[in-house]
Structures are given as structure tokens and as C-alpha cells.
Amino acid sequence: MLIRILGSRIISGMLTHGFGWRFTYYLAIIVMALLYVLLLRKLLDITPKYKSTYFNLLQSVFNYFRKEPGLRIAALYGRLAFAG
């Protein structure tokens, strides 16, 4: 993932050097618009089966966190990996 980030910086730098800084933004606008249209056509119209409130849905996440020790350990690993 780090290589992709560094590679995108190199490519955008070359595009900016060759075509100017505005070209990079215009290209991003075009790519985002194409992705929007593609996703709009390809993703299905799915209606959720969950019939409760959003607050209850958020509360269920905390209930899982309280009941599942594996989830707590995975969250701790993620926190430690993010911290250092």
C-alpha cells in the first residue's frame, strides 16, 4: 500500500510537471465522475432488512465489543499497529 501511495505521488508529480497543476485536478474530476457513473450503474438497489433505529444499530456494535473477547483483542492489535 505504501508503494502505491509513493507511486501515485511520483505519477502526479510528473503529470503536474508536464501539464501544469490544474491538469491533475481536472483529471481527478473526470476520473471521479466516471467512477460515479460506473458505480451508479453497477451497484444494485438494495433495501436494508434492518428495521430498527440507527441508535440501536450503534448500540449493537458496543454490545458485540462487550461480549466478544476476540473482537476486543483485534481492536487492541489495530490500535497498537496504528500507534506505532
C-alpha atoms as a PDB file:
ATOM      1  CA  MET A   1       0.000   0.000   0.000  1.00  0.00           C
ATOM      2  CA  LEU A   2       2.860   2.339   0.780  1.00  0.00           C
ATOM      3  CA  ILE A   3       4.337   1.690  -2.665  1.00  0.00           C
ATOM      4  CA  ARG A   4       1.020   2.703  -4.268  1.00  0.00           C
ATOM      5  CA  ILE A   5       0.961   5.936  -2.279  1.00  0.00           C
ATOM      6  CA  LEU A   6       4.531   6.768  -3.223  1.00  0.00           C
ATOM      7  CA  GLY A   7       3.928   5.745  -6.841  1.00  0.00           C
ATOM      8  CA  SER A   8       0.861   7.962  -7.107  1.00  0.00           C
ATOM      9  CA  ARG A   9       2.865  10.904  -5.812  1.00  0.00           C
ATOM     10  CA  ILE A  10       5.532  10.307  -8.437  1.00  0.00           C
ATOM     11  CA  ILE A  11       2.993   9.977 -11.256  1.00  0.00           C
ATOM     12  CA  SER A  12       1.060  13.065 -10.166  1.00  0.00           C
ATOM     13  CA  GLY A  13       4.323  14.981  -9.917  1.00  0.00           C
ATOM     14  CA  MET A  14       5.245  14.018 -13.470  1.00  0.00           C
ATOM     15  CA  LEU A  15       1.784  14.993 -14.730  1.00  0.00           C
ATOM     16  CA  THR A  16       1.986  18.316 -12.916  1.00  0.00           C
ATOM     17  CA  HIS A  17       5.447  18.997 -14.276  1.00  0.00           C
ATOM     18  CA  GLY A  18       4.391  18.175 -17.817  1.00  0.00           C
ATOM     19  CA  PHE A  19       0.899  19.660 -17.993  1.00  0.00           C
ATOM     20  CA  GLY A  20       0.581  22.064 -15.066  1.00  0.00           C
ATOM     21  CA  TRP A  21      -1.030  21.702 -11.661  1.00  0.00           C
ATOM     22  CA  ARG A  22      -4.583  22.293 -12.905  1.00  0.00           C
ATOM     23  CA  PHE A  23      -4.414  19.266 -15.191  1.00  0.00           C
ATOM     24  CA  THR A  24      -4.084  16.942 -12.188  1.00  0.00           C
ATOM     25  CA  TYR A  25      -7.288  18.312 -10.661  1.00  0.00           C
ATOM     26  CA  TYR A  26      -9.197  18.198 -13.944  1.00  0.00           C
ATOM     27  CA  LEU A  27      -8.092  14.614 -14.462  1.00  0.00           C
ATOM     28  CA  ALA A  28      -9.242  13.748 -10.936  1.00  0.00           C
ATOM     29  CA  ILE A  29     -12.644  15.315 -11.651  1.00  0.00           C
ATOM     30  CA  ILE A  30     -13.031  13.242 -14.809  1.00  0.00           C
ATOM     31  CA  VAL A  31     -11.966  10.006 -13.114  1.00  0.00           C
ATOM     32  CA  MET A  32     -14.308  10.619 -10.165  1.00  0.00           C
ATOM     33  CA  ALA A  33     -17.229  11.362 -12.482  1.00  0.00           C
ATOM     34  CA  LEU A  34     -16.573   8.169 -14.451  1.00  0.00           C
ATOM     35  CA  LEU A  35     -16.352   6.131 -11.260  1.00  0.00           C
ATOM     36  CA  TYR A  36     -19.595   7.691 -10.015  1.00  0.00           C
ATOM     37  CA  VAL A  37     -21.438   6.724 -13.199  1.00  0.00           C
ATOM     38  CA  LEU A  38     -19.919   3.234 -13.183  1.00  0.00           C
ATOM     39  CA  LEU A  39     -20.869   2.594  -9.562  1.00  0.00           C
ATOM     40  CA  LEU A  40     -24.310   4.061 -10.050  1.00  0.00           C
ATOM     41  CA  ARG A  41     -24.986   1.603 -12.864  1.00  0.00           C
ATOM     42  CA  LYS A  42     -23.287  -1.469 -11.409  1.00  0.00           C
ATOM     43  CA  LEU A  43     -24.401  -1.393  -7.786  1.00  0.00           C
ATOM     44  CA  LEU A  44     -27.745  -2.928  -7.087  1.00  0.00           C
ATOM     45  CA  ASP A  45     -30.574  -1.092  -5.425  1.00  0.00           C
ATOM     46  CA  ILE A  46     -30.629  -2.916  -2.105  1.00  0.00           C
ATOM     47  CA  THR A  47     -33.168  -2.207   0.595  1.00  0.00           C
ATOM     48  CA  PRO A  48     -31.926  -2.924   4.108  1.00  0.00           C
ATOM     49  CA  LYS A  49     -33.525  -5.702   6.122  1.00  0.00           C
ATOM     50  CA  TYR A  50     -32.746  -3.991   9.430  1.00  0.00           C
ATOM     51  CA  LYS A  51     -35.927  -2.379  10.744  1.00  0.00           C
ATOM     52  CA  SER A  52     -34.772  -0.721  13.963  1.00  0.00           C
ATOM     53  CA  THR A  53     -33.286   2.722  14.616  1.00  0.00           C
ATOM     54  CA  TYR A  54     -29.770   3.895  13.882  1.00  0.00           C
ATOM     55  CA  PHE A  55     -29.119   4.359  17.603  1.00  0.00           C
ATOM     56  CA  ASN A  56     -29.960   0.697  18.250  1.00  0.00           C
ATOM     57  CA  LEU A  57     -27.617  -0.314  15.447  1.00  0.00           C
ATOM     58  CA  LEU A  58     -24.765   1.657  17.008  1.00  0.00           C
ATOM     59  CA  GLN A  59     -25.586   0.208  20.413  1.00  0.00           C
ATOM     60  CA  SER A  60     -25.346  -3.311  18.980  1.00  0.00           C
ATOM     61  CA  VAL A  61     -21.741  -2.626  17.978  1.00  0.00           C
ATOM     62  CA  PHE A  62     -20.877  -1.837  21.586  1.00  0.00           C
ATOM     63  CA  ASN A  63     -22.743  -4.973  22.722  1.00  0.00           C
ATOM     64  CA  TYR A  64     -20.608  -7.089  20.375  1.00  0.00           C
ATOM     65  CA  PHE A  65     -17.497  -5.384  21.679  1.00  0.00           C
ATOM     66  CA  ARG A  66     -18.524  -6.156  25.261  1.00  0.00           C
ATOM     67  CA  LYS A  67     -19.439  -9.824  24.571  1.00  0.00           C
ATOM     68  CA  GLU A  68     -16.724 -10.910  22.115  1.00  0.00           C
ATOM     69  CA  PRO A  69     -13.172 -11.139  23.508  1.00  0.00           C
ATOM     70  CA  GLY A  70     -11.724 -11.830  20.048  1.00  0.00           C
ATOM     71  CA  LEU A  71     -13.110  -8.535  18.811  1.00  0.00           C
ATOM     72  CA  ARG A  72     -11.522  -6.687  21.724  1.00  0.00           C
ATOM     73  CA  ILE A  73      -8.153  -8.306  21.013  1.00  0.00           C
ATOM     74  CA  ALA A  74      -8.379  -7.481  17.298  1.00  0.00           C
ATOM     75  CA  ALA A  75      -9.274  -3.880  18.151  1.00  0.00           C
ATOM     76  CA  LEU A  76      -6.294  -3.701  20.508  1.00  0.00           C
ATOM     77  CA  TYR A  77      -3.983  -5.015  17.776  1.00  0.00           C
ATOM     78  CA  GLY A  78      -5.358  -2.431  15.360  1.00  0.00           C
ATOM     79  CA  ARG A  79      -4.878   0.342  17.881  1.00  0.00           C
ATOM     80  CA  LEU A  80      -1.297  -0.726  18.578  1.00  0.00           C
ATOM     81  CA  ALA A  81      -0.493  -1.055  14.876  1.00  0.00           C
ATOM     82  CA  PHE A  82      -1.895   2.415  14.237  1.00  0.00           C
ATOM     83  CA  ALA A  83       0.004   3.904  17.170  1.00  0.00           C
ATOM     84  CA  GLY A  84       3.376   2.723  16.218  1.00  0.00           C
END
